[in-house]
Amino acid sequence: MQSPRLVVEVLSPSTEKTDRTEKLQVYQACPTIAEIVLVSQFAPYVEIWRRDEEDEATWRYVHYEAGEEVEFASLDVRLSMQDVYRQVNFDEPLLEE
């Protein structure tokens, strides 16, 4: 894909710092990307950095928790947090990385 609109990163302990700093800056510099989604693997928590439609240099931050509906504005899609985390059991131990 040459013109991505949405990027999704599932955060892990080994990559979270890079995902939140270096990669976030690279994604924000890409002119076609409208949303950057960071998904927690440890709890129902989704963060979205959304490019401002009127000022492309400005990014807005929003987060979603259990029971809420996640809006992916760049795709005109809404998903419940239950659907985002379908078949994820937070009580199961994670495999080692």
PDB file of N, CA and C in Angstrom:
ATOM      1  N   MET A   1       0.849  -1.181   0.000  1.00  0.00           N
ATOM      2  CA  MET A   1       0.000   0.000   0.000  1.00  0.00           C
ATOM      3  C   MET A   1       0.892   1.241   0.000  1.00  0.00           C
ATOM      4  N   GLN A   2       0.602   2.155  -0.871  1.00  0.00           N
ATOM      5  CA  GLN A   2       1.429   3.346  -0.992  1.00  0.00           C
ATOM      6  C   GLN A   2       0.874   4.553  -0.248  1.00  0.00           C
ATOM      7  N   SER A   3      -0.406   4.555   0.041  1.00  0.00           N
ATOM      8  CA  SER A   3      -1.035   5.709   0.680  1.00  0.00           C
ATOM      9  C   SER A   3      -1.875   5.290   1.876  1.00  0.00           C
ATOM     10  N   PRO A   4      -1.247   4.853   2.953  1.00  0.00           N
ATOM     11  CA  PRO A   4      -2.024   4.396   4.112  1.00  0.00           C
ATOM     12  C   PRO A   4      -2.811   5.533   4.754  1.00  0.00           C
ATOM     13  N   ARG A   5      -4.018   5.235   5.223  1.00  0.00           N
ATOM     14  CA  ARG A   5      -4.852   6.206   5.943  1.00  0.00           C
ATOM     15  C   ARG A   5      -4.837   5.926   7.439  1.00  0.00           C
ATOM     16  N   LEU A   6      -4.654   4.648   7.796  1.00  0.00           N
ATOM     17  CA  LEU A   6      -4.753   4.215   9.188  1.00  0.00           C
ATOM     18  C   LEU A   6      -3.609   3.266   9.492  1.00  0.00           C
ATOM     19  N   VAL A   7      -3.002   3.459  10.664  1.00  0.00           N
ATOM     20  CA  VAL A   7      -1.942   2.554  11.132  1.00  0.00           C
ATOM     21  C   VAL A   7      -2.367   2.044  12.499  1.00  0.00           C
ATOM     22  N   VAL A   8      -2.212   0.735  12.709  1.00  0.00           N
ATOM     23  CA  VAL A   8      -2.550   0.130  13.998  1.00  0.00           C
ATOM     24  C   VAL A   8      -1.316  -0.564  14.552  1.00  0.00           C
ATOM     25  N   GLU A   9      -0.974  -0.240  15.792  1.00  0.00           N
ATOM     26  CA  GLU A   9       0.138  -0.875  16.502  1.00  0.00           C
ATOM     27  C   GLU A   9      -0.414  -1.543  17.755  1.00  0.00           C
ATOM     28  N   VAL A  10      -0.127  -2.819  17.926  1.00  0.00           N
ATOM     29  CA  VAL A  10      -0.460  -3.516  19.172  1.00  0.00           C
ATOM     30  C   VAL A  10       0.770  -3.386  20.060  1.00  0.00           C
ATOM     31  N   LEU A  11       0.592  -2.745  21.201  1.00  0.00           N
ATOM     32  CA  LEU A  11       1.721  -2.454  22.087  1.00  0.00           C
ATOM     33  C   LEU A  11       2.189  -3.699  22.826  1.00  0.00           C
ATOM     34  N   SER A  12       3.487  -3.853  22.905  1.00  0.00           N
ATOM     35  CA  SER A  12       4.078  -4.934  23.695  1.00  0.00           C
ATOM     36  C   SER A  12       5.173  -4.320  24.559  1.00  0.00           C
ATOM     37  N   PRO A  13       5.531  -4.976  25.646  1.00  0.00           N
ATOM     38  CA  PRO A  13       6.567  -4.404  26.517  1.00  0.00           C
ATOM     39  C   PRO A  13       7.875  -4.093  25.777  1.00  0.00           C
ATOM     40  N   SER A  14       8.229  -4.913  24.817  1.00  0.00           N
ATOM     41  CA  SER A  14       9.510  -4.710  24.130  1.00  0.00           C
ATOM     42  C   SER A  14       9.465  -3.615  23.067  1.00  0.00           C
ATOM     43  N   THR A  15       8.274  -3.232  22.592  1.00  0.00           N
ATOM     44  CA  THR A  15       8.196  -2.234  21.517  1.00  0.00           C
ATOM     45  C   THR A  15       7.441  -0.960  21.892  1.00  0.00           C
ATOM     46  N   GLU A  16       6.793  -0.944  23.041  1.00  0.00           N
ATOM     47  CA  GLU A  16       5.916   0.176  23.383  1.00  0.00           C
ATOM     48  C   GLU A  16       6.628   1.524  23.336  1.00  0.00           C
ATOM     49  N   LYS A  17       7.804   1.620  23.892  1.00  0.00           N
ATOM     50  CA  LYS A  17       8.515   2.900  23.903  1.00  0.00           C
ATOM     51  C   LYS A  17       8.784   3.386  22.475  1.00  0.00           C
ATOM     52  N   THR A  18       9.242   2.509  21.614  1.00  0.00           N
ATOM     53  CA  THR A  18       9.506   2.865  20.216  1.00  0.00           C
ATOM     54  C   THR A  18       8.208   3.221  19.492  1.00  0.00           C
ATOM     55  N   ASP A  19       7.146   2.464  19.746  1.00  0.00           N
ATOM     56  CA  ASP A  19       5.854   2.730  19.113  1.00  0.00           C
ATOM     57  C   ASP A  19       5.329   4.114  19.488  1.00  0.00           C
ATOM     58  N   ARG A  20       5.531   4.506  20.749  1.00  0.00           N
ATOM     59  CA  ARG A  20       5.002   5.782  21.242  1.00  0.00           C
ATOM     60  C   ARG A  20       5.890   6.983  20.892  1.00  0.00           C
ATOM     61  N   THR A  21       7.108   6.744  20.497  1.00  0.00           N
ATOM     62  CA  THR A  21       8.027   7.861  20.232  1.00  0.00           C
ATOM     63  C   THR A  21       8.452   7.882  18.770  1.00  0.00           C
ATOM     64  N   GLU A  22       9.436   7.093  18.431  1.00  0.00           N
ATOM     65  CA  GLU A  22      10.012   7.124  17.088  1.00  0.00           C
ATOM     66  C   GLU A  22       8.990   6.800  15.999  1.00  0.00           C
ATOM     67  N   LYS A  23       8.281   5.699  16.165  1.00  0.00           N
ATOM     68  CA  LYS A  23       7.323   5.300  15.128  1.00  0.00           C
ATOM     69  C   LYS A  23       6.172   6.295  15.026  1.00  0.00           C
ATOM     70  N   LEU A  24       5.706   6.802  16.151  1.00  0.00           N
ATOM     71  CA  LEU A  24       4.625   7.785  16.136  1.00  0.00           C
ATOM     72  C   LEU A  24       5.034   9.007  15.326  1.00  0.00           C
ATOM     73  N   GLN A  25       6.253   9.489  15.520  1.00  0.00           N
ATOM     74  CA  GLN A  25       6.737  10.656  14.773  1.00  0.00           C
ATOM     75  C   GLN A  25       6.834  10.374  13.277  1.00  0.00           C
ATOM     76  N   VAL A  26       7.303   9.188  12.921  1.00  0.00           N
ATOM     77  CA  VAL A  26       7.397   8.815  11.507  1.00  0.00           C
ATOM     78  C   VAL A  26       6.003   8.755  10.890  1.00  0.00           C
ATOM     79  N   TYR A  27       5.064   8.138  11.582  1.00  0.00           N
ATOM     80  CA  TYR A  27       3.697   8.042  11.075  1.00  0.00           C
ATOM     81  C   TYR A  27       3.074   9.429  10.921  1.00  0.00           C
ATOM     82  N   GLN A  28       3.295  10.302  11.897  1.00  0.00           N
ATOM     83  CA  GLN A  28       2.715  11.646  11.825  1.00  0.00           C
ATOM     84  C   GLN A  28       3.314  12.463  10.681  1.00  0.00           C
ATOM     85  N   ALA A  29       4.493  12.131  10.256  1.00  0.00           N
ATOM     86  CA  ALA A  29       5.130  12.845   9.143  1.00  0.00           C
ATOM     87  C   ALA A  29       4.605  12.373   7.785  1.00  0.00           C
ATOM     88  N   CYS A  30       3.948  11.247   7.746  1.00  0.00           N
ATOM     89  CA  CYS A  30       3.398  10.720   6.491  1.00  0.00           C
ATOM     90  C   CYS A  30       2.108  11.481   6.171  1.00  0.00           C
ATOM     91  N   PRO A  31       2.046  12.183   5.043  1.00  0.00           N
ATOM     92  CA  PRO A  31       0.897  13.049   4.763  1.00  0.00           C
ATOM     93  C   PRO A  31      -0.433  12.329   4.535  1.00  0.00           C
ATOM     94  N   THR A  32      -0.413  11.052   4.207  1.00  0.00           N
ATOM     95  CA  THR A  32      -1.677  10.348   3.947  1.00  0.00           C
ATOM     96  C   THR A  32      -2.290   9.732   5.196  1.00  0.00           C
ATOM     97  N   ILE A  33      -1.491   9.566   6.247  1.00  0.00           N
ATOM     98  CA  ILE A  33      -2.003   8.930   7.468  1.00  0.00           C
ATOM     99  C   ILE A  33      -2.890   9.904   8.230  1.00  0.00           C
ATOM    100  N   ALA A  34      -4.113   9.465   8.492  1.00  0.00           N
ATOM    101  CA  ALA A  34      -5.084  10.284   9.211  1.00  0.00           C
ATOM    102  C   ALA A  34      -5.269   9.832  10.653  1.00  0.00           C
ATOM    103  N   GLU A  35      -4.991   8.549  10.932  1.00  0.00           N
ATOM    104  CA  GLU A  35      -5.159   8.020  12.282  1.00  0.00           C
ATOM    105  C   GLU A  35      -4.067   7.014  12.607  1.00  0.00           C
ATOM    106  N   ILE A  36      -3.596   7.111  13.857  1.00  0.00           N
ATOM    107  CA  ILE A  36      -2.624   6.165  14.377  1.00  0.00           C
ATOM    108  C   ILE A  36      -3.254   5.547  15.620  1.00  0.00           C
ATOM    109  N   VAL A  37      -3.404   4.235  15.601  1.00  0.00           N
ATOM    110  CA  VAL A  37      -4.112   3.523  16.664  1.00  0.00           C
ATOM    111  C   VAL A  37      -3.110   2.699  17.462  1.00  0.00           C
ATOM    112  N   LEU A  38      -3.118   2.875  18.781  1.00  0.00           N
ATOM    113  CA  LEU A  38      -2.283   2.093  19.689  1.00  0.00           C
ATOM    114  C   LEU A  38      -3.212   1.230  20.538  1.00  0.00           C
ATOM    115  N   VAL A  39      -3.009  -0.073  20.465  1.00  0.00           N
ATOM    116  CA  VAL A  39      -3.897  -1.025  21.135  1.00  0.00           C
ATOM    117  C   VAL A  39      -3.132  -1.735  22.244  1.00  0.00           C
ATOM    118  N   SER A  40      -3.652  -1.678  23.452  1.00  0.00           N
ATOM    119  CA  SER A  40      -3.047  -2.388  24.577  1.00  0.00           C
ATOM    120  C   SER A  40      -3.362  -3.866  24.477  1.00  0.00           C
ATOM    121  N   GLN A  41      -2.384  -4.685  24.804  1.00  0.00           N
ATOM    122  CA  GLN A  41      -2.649  -6.128  24.848  1.00  0.00           C
ATOM    123  C   GLN A  41      -2.904  -6.615  26.276  1.00  0.00           C
ATOM    124  N   PHE A  42      -2.818  -5.714  27.247  1.00  0.00           N
ATOM    125  CA  PHE A  42      -2.966  -6.099  28.652  1.00  0.00           C
ATOM    126  C   PHE A  42      -4.292  -5.696  29.273  1.00  0.00           C
ATOM    127  N   ALA A  43      -5.018  -4.793  28.620  1.00  0.00           N
ATOM    128  CA  ALA A  43      -6.293  -4.309  29.139  1.00  0.00           C
ATOM    129  C   ALA A  43      -7.077  -3.718  27.973  1.00  0.00           C
ATOM    130  N   PRO A  44      -8.394  -3.629  28.091  1.00  0.00           N
ATOM    131  CA  PRO A  44      -9.167  -3.026  27.016  1.00  0.00           C
ATOM    132  C   PRO A  44      -8.951  -1.507  26.989  1.00  0.00           C
ATOM    133  N   TYR A  45      -7.969  -1.100  26.210  1.00  0.00           N
ATOM    134  CA  TYR A  45      -7.600   0.318  26.141  1.00  0.00           C
ATOM    135  C   TYR A  45      -7.020   0.602  24.758  1.00  0.00           C
ATOM    136  N   VAL A  46      -7.685   1.490  24.031  1.00  0.00           N
ATOM    137  CA  VAL A  46      -7.270   1.862  22.682  1.00  0.00           C
ATOM    138  C   VAL A  46      -7.046   3.371  22.646  1.00  0.00           C
ATOM    139  N   GLU A  47      -5.906   3.777  22.101  1.00  0.00           N
ATOM    140  CA  GLU A  47      -5.583   5.190  21.945  1.00  0.00           C
ATOM    141  C   GLU A  47      -5.523   5.515  20.462  1.00  0.00           C
ATOM    142  N   ILE A  48      -6.047   6.683  20.110  1.00  0.00           N
ATOM    143  CA  ILE A  48      -5.995   7.105  18.709  1.00  0.00           C
ATOM    144  C   ILE A  48      -5.464   8.529  18.633  1.00  0.00           C
ATOM    145  N   TRP A  49      -4.464   8.689  17.772  1.00  0.00           N
ATOM    146  CA  TRP A  49      -3.980  10.012  17.380  1.00  0.00           C
ATOM    147  C   TRP A  49      -4.629  10.296  16.035  1.00  0.00           C
ATOM    148  N   ARG A  50      -5.406  11.363  15.947  1.00  0.00           N
ATOM    149  CA  ARG A  50      -6.182  11.683  14.747  1.00  0.00           C
ATOM    150  C   ARG A  50      -5.751  13.042  14.212  1.00  0.00           C
ATOM    151  N   ARG A  51      -5.414  13.078  12.923  1.00  0.00           N
ATOM    152  CA  ARG A  51      -5.010  14.328  12.281  1.00  0.00           C
ATOM    153  C   ARG A  51      -6.211  15.275  12.208  1.00  0.00           C
ATOM    154  N   ASP A  52      -5.998  16.534  12.579  1.00  0.00           N
ATOM    155  CA  ASP A  52      -7.047  17.554  12.514  1.00  0.00           C
ATOM    156  C   ASP A  52      -7.381  17.834  11.044  1.00  0.00           C
ATOM    157  N   GLU A  53      -8.646  17.829  10.705  1.00  0.00           N
ATOM    158  CA  GLU A  53      -9.057  18.024   9.317  1.00  0.00           C
ATOM    159  C   GLU A  53      -8.775  19.435   8.817  1.00  0.00           C
ATOM    160  N   GLU A  54      -8.825  20.416   9.697  1.00  0.00           N
ATOM    161  CA  GLU A  54      -8.617  21.807   9.290  1.00  0.00           C
ATOM    162  C   GLU A  54      -7.157  22.227   9.345  1.00  0.00           C
ATOM    163  N   ASP A  55      -6.391  21.645  10.255  1.00  0.00           N
ATOM    164  CA  ASP A  55      -4.974  21.963  10.393  1.00  0.00           C
ATOM    165  C   ASP A  55      -4.194  20.658  10.393  1.00  0.00           C
ATOM    166  N   GLU A  56      -3.679  20.264   9.249  1.00  0.00           N
ATOM    167  CA  GLU A  56      -3.029  18.964   9.091  1.00  0.00           C
ATOM    168  C   GLU A  56      -1.786  18.779   9.953  1.00  0.00           C
ATOM    169  N   ALA A  57      -1.240  19.858  10.487  1.00  0.00           N
ATOM    170  CA  ALA A  57      -0.068  19.754  11.350  1.00  0.00           C
ATOM    171  C   ALA A  57      -0.460  19.421  12.795  1.00  0.00           C
ATOM    172  N   THR A  58      -1.745  19.488  13.093  1.00  0.00           N
ATOM    173  CA  THR A  58      -2.239  19.257  14.451  1.00  0.00           C
ATOM    174  C   THR A  58      -2.830  17.856  14.565  1.00  0.00           C
ATOM    175  N   TRP A  59      -2.478  17.189  15.648  1.00  0.00           N
ATOM    176  CA  TRP A  59      -3.000  15.845  15.937  1.00  0.00           C
ATOM    177  C   TRP A  59      -3.813  15.900  17.216  1.00  0.00           C
ATOM    178  N   ARG A  60      -4.958  15.275  17.209  1.00  0.00           N
ATOM    179  CA  ARG A  60      -5.842  15.185  18.371  1.00  0.00           C
ATOM    180  C   ARG A  60      -5.735  13.784  18.960  1.00  0.00           C
ATOM    181  N   TYR A  61      -5.776  13.720  20.292  1.00  0.00           N
ATOM    182  CA  TYR A  61      -5.652  12.443  20.999  1.00  0.00           C
ATOM    183  C   TYR A  61      -6.985  12.089  21.630  1.00  0.00           C
ATOM    184  N   VAL A  62      -7.361  10.828  21.504  1.00  0.00           N
ATOM    185  CA  VAL A  62      -8.556  10.312  22.169  1.00  0.00           C
ATOM    186  C   VAL A  62      -8.253   8.886  22.598  1.00  0.00           C
ATOM    187  N   HIS A  63      -8.877   8.455  23.707  1.00  0.00           N
ATOM    188  CA  HIS A  63      -8.695   7.067  24.124  1.00  0.00           C
ATOM    189  C   HIS A  63     -10.052   6.462  24.477  1.00  0.00           C
ATOM    190  N   TYR A  64     -10.082   5.147  24.414  1.00  0.00           N
ATOM    191  CA  TYR A  64     -11.310   4.401  24.655  1.00  0.00           C
ATOM    192  C   TYR A  64     -11.022   3.293  25.650  1.00  0.00           C
ATOM    193  N   GLU A  65     -12.022   3.027  26.496  1.00  0.00           N
ATOM    194  CA  GLU A  65     -11.901   1.988  27.508  1.00  0.00           C
ATOM    195  C   GLU A  65     -13.074   1.014  27.388  1.00  0.00           C
ATOM    196  N   ALA A  66     -13.065   0.000  28.234  1.00  0.00           N
ATOM    197  CA  ALA A  66     -14.123  -1.017  28.228  1.00  0.00           C
ATOM    198  C   ALA A  66     -15.498  -0.365  28.246  1.00  0.00           C
ATOM    199  N   GLY A  67     -16.397  -0.903  27.451  1.00  0.00           N
ATOM    200  CA  GLY A  67     -17.765  -0.413  27.413  1.00  0.00           C
ATOM    201  C   GLY A  67     -17.997   0.713  26.425  1.00  0.00           C
ATOM    202  N   GLU A  68     -16.942   1.252  25.837  1.00  0.00           N
ATOM    203  CA  GLU A  68     -17.085   2.358  24.898  1.00  0.00           C
ATOM    204  C   GLU A  68     -17.062   1.854  23.453  1.00  0.00           C
ATOM    205  N   GLU A  69     -17.379   2.745  22.555  1.00  0.00           N
ATOM    206  CA  GLU A  69     -17.348   2.445  21.129  1.00  0.00           C
ATOM    207  C   GLU A  69     -16.194   3.220  20.497  1.00  0.00           C
ATOM    208  N   VAL A  70     -15.334   2.511  19.782  1.00  0.00           N
ATOM    209  CA  VAL A  70     -14.156   3.113  19.159  1.00  0.00           C
ATOM    210  C   VAL A  70     -14.549   3.651  17.785  1.00  0.00           C
ATOM    211  N   GLU A  71     -14.189   4.894  17.522  1.00  0.00           N
ATOM    212  CA  GLU A  71     -14.452   5.488  16.221  1.00  0.00           C
ATOM    213  C   GLU A  71     -13.162   5.547  15.420  1.00  0.00           C
ATOM    214  N   PHE A  72     -13.174   4.913  14.261  1.00  0.00           N
ATOM    215  CA  PHE A  72     -12.090   5.016  13.294  1.00  0.00           C
ATOM    216  C   PHE A  72     -12.597   5.965  12.219  1.00  0.00           C
ATOM    217  N   ALA A  73     -12.415   7.260  12.458  1.00  0.00           N
ATOM    218  CA  ALA A  73     -13.003   8.288  11.595  1.00  0.00           C
ATOM    219  C   ALA A  73     -12.498   8.203  10.164  1.00  0.00           C
ATOM    220  N   SER A  74     -11.245   7.851   9.975  1.00  0.00           N
ATOM    221  CA  SER A  74     -10.685   7.796   8.623  1.00  0.00           C
ATOM    222  C   SER A  74     -11.330   6.707   7.768  1.00  0.00           C
ATOM    223  N   LEU A  75     -11.930   5.723   8.420  1.00  0.00           N
ATOM    224  CA  LEU A  75     -12.601   4.631   7.713  1.00  0.00           C
ATOM    225  C   LEU A  75     -14.121   4.731   7.801  1.00  0.00           C
ATOM    226  N   ASP A  76     -14.604   5.710   8.579  1.00  0.00           N
ATOM    227  CA  ASP A  76     -16.029   5.856   8.845  1.00  0.00           C
ATOM    228  C   ASP A  76     -16.590   4.555   9.425  1.00  0.00           C
ATOM    229  N   VAL A  77     -15.867   4.031  10.448  1.00  0.00           N
ATOM    230  CA  VAL A  77     -16.237   2.766  11.089  1.00  0.00           C
ATOM    231  C   VAL A  77     -16.248   2.962  12.601  1.00  0.00           C
ATOM    232  N   ARG A  78     -17.211   2.316  13.250  1.00  0.00           N
ATOM    233  CA  ARG A  78     -17.283   2.293  14.712  1.00  0.00           C
ATOM    234  C   ARG A  78     -17.332   0.839  15.148  1.00  0.00           C
ATOM    235  N   LEU A  79     -16.553   0.522  16.186  1.00  0.00           N
ATOM    236  CA  LEU A  79     -16.548  -0.821  16.756  1.00  0.00           C
ATOM    237  C   LEU A  79     -16.629  -0.709  18.270  1.00  0.00           C
ATOM    238  N   SER A  80     -17.392  -1.613  18.871  1.00  0.00           N
ATOM    239  CA  SER A  80     -17.411  -1.639  20.331  1.00  0.00           C
ATOM    240  C   SER A  80     -16.066  -2.181  20.814  1.00  0.00           C
ATOM    241  N   MET A  81     -15.690  -1.797  22.008  1.00  0.00           N
ATOM    242  CA  MET A  81     -14.456  -2.333  22.582  1.00  0.00           C
ATOM    243  C   MET A  81     -14.559  -3.850  22.704  1.00  0.00           C
ATOM    244  N   GLN A  82     -15.754  -4.337  22.936  1.00  0.00           N
ATOM    245  CA  GLN A  82     -15.970  -5.790  23.013  1.00  0.00           C
ATOM    246  C   GLN A  82     -15.594  -6.444  21.683  1.00  0.00           C
ATOM    247  N   ASP A  83     -15.931  -5.816  20.566  1.00  0.00           N
ATOM    248  CA  ASP A  83     -15.570  -6.363  19.258  1.00  0.00           C
ATOM    249  C   ASP A  83     -14.069  -6.237  18.986  1.00  0.00           C
ATOM    250  N   VAL A  84     -13.478  -5.132  19.401  1.00  0.00           N
ATOM    251  CA  VAL A  84     -12.031  -4.947  19.204  1.00  0.00           C
ATOM    252  C   VAL A  84     -11.264  -6.056  19.915  1.00  0.00           C
ATOM    253  N   TYR A  85     -11.714  -6.409  21.089  1.00  0.00           N
ATOM    254  CA  TYR A  85     -11.009  -7.408  21.911  1.00  0.00           C
ATOM    255  C   TYR A  85     -11.703  -8.771  21.917  1.00  0.00           C
ATOM    256  N   ARG A  86     -12.477  -9.054  20.898  1.00  0.00           N
ATOM    257  CA  ARG A  86     -13.181 -10.339  20.815  1.00  0.00           C
ATOM    258  C   ARG A  86     -12.177 -11.481  20.911  1.00  0.00           C
ATOM    259  N   GLN A  87     -12.502 -12.462  21.701  1.00  0.00           N
ATOM    260  CA  GLN A  87     -11.697 -13.668  21.925  1.00  0.00           C
ATOM    261  C   GLN A  87     -10.373 -13.388  22.643  1.00  0.00           C
ATOM    262  N   VAL A  88     -10.240 -12.234  23.280  1.00  0.00           N
ATOM    263  CA  VAL A  88      -9.060 -11.951  24.084  1.00  0.00           C
ATOM    264  C   VAL A  88      -9.432 -12.166  25.547  1.00  0.00           C
ATOM    265  N   ASN A  89      -8.660 -13.003  26.220  1.00  0.00           N
ATOM    266  CA  ASN A  89      -8.871 -13.270  27.634  1.00  0.00           C
ATOM    267  C   ASN A  89      -7.693 -12.660  28.388  1.00  0.00           C
ATOM    268  N   PHE A  90      -7.953 -11.584  29.099  1.00  0.00           N
ATOM    269  CA  PHE A  90      -6.881 -10.878  29.802  1.00  0.00           C
ATOM    270  C   PHE A  90      -6.369 -11.652  31.007  1.00  0.00           C
ATOM    271  N   ASP A  91      -7.072 -12.710  31.401  1.00  0.00           N
ATOM    272  CA  ASP A  91      -6.635 -13.529  32.530  1.00  0.00           C
ATOM    273  C   ASP A  91      -5.636 -14.607  32.113  1.00  0.00           C
ATOM    274  N   GLU A  92      -5.540 -14.878  30.802  1.00  0.00           N
ATOM    275  CA  GLU A  92      -4.593 -15.892  30.330  1.00  0.00           C
ATOM    276  C   GLU A  92      -3.173 -15.338  30.377  1.00  0.00           C
ATOM    277  N   PRO A  93      -2.217 -16.165  30.787  1.00  0.00           N
ATOM    278  CA  PRO A  93      -0.824 -15.694  30.760  1.00  0.00           C
ATOM    279  C   PRO A  93      -0.360 -15.494  29.320  1.00  0.00           C
ATOM    280  N   LEU A  94       0.459 -14.464  29.116  1.00  0.00           N
ATOM    281  CA  LEU A  94       0.988 -14.177  27.776  1.00  0.00           C
ATOM    282  C   LEU A  94       2.182 -15.096  27.482  1.00  0.00           C
ATOM    283  N   LEU A  95       2.338 -15.399  26.223  1.00  0.00           N
ATOM    284  CA  LEU A  95       3.525 -16.135  25.806  1.00  0.00           C
ATOM    285  C   LEU A  95       4.717 -15.200  25.902  1.00  0.00           C
ATOM    286  N   GLU A  96       5.860 -15.735  26.256  1.00  0.00           N
ATOM    287  CA  GLU A  96       7.044 -14.897  26.346  1.00  0.00           C
ATOM    288  C   GLU A  96       7.483 -14.455  24.972  1.00  0.00           C
ATOM    289  N   GLU A  97       7.977 -13.214  24.907  1.00  0.00           N
ATOM    290  CA  GLU A  97       8.422 -12.671  23.618  1.00  0.00           C
ATOM    291  C   GLU A  97       9.832 -13.097  23.309  1.00  0.00           C
TER     292      GLU A  97
END
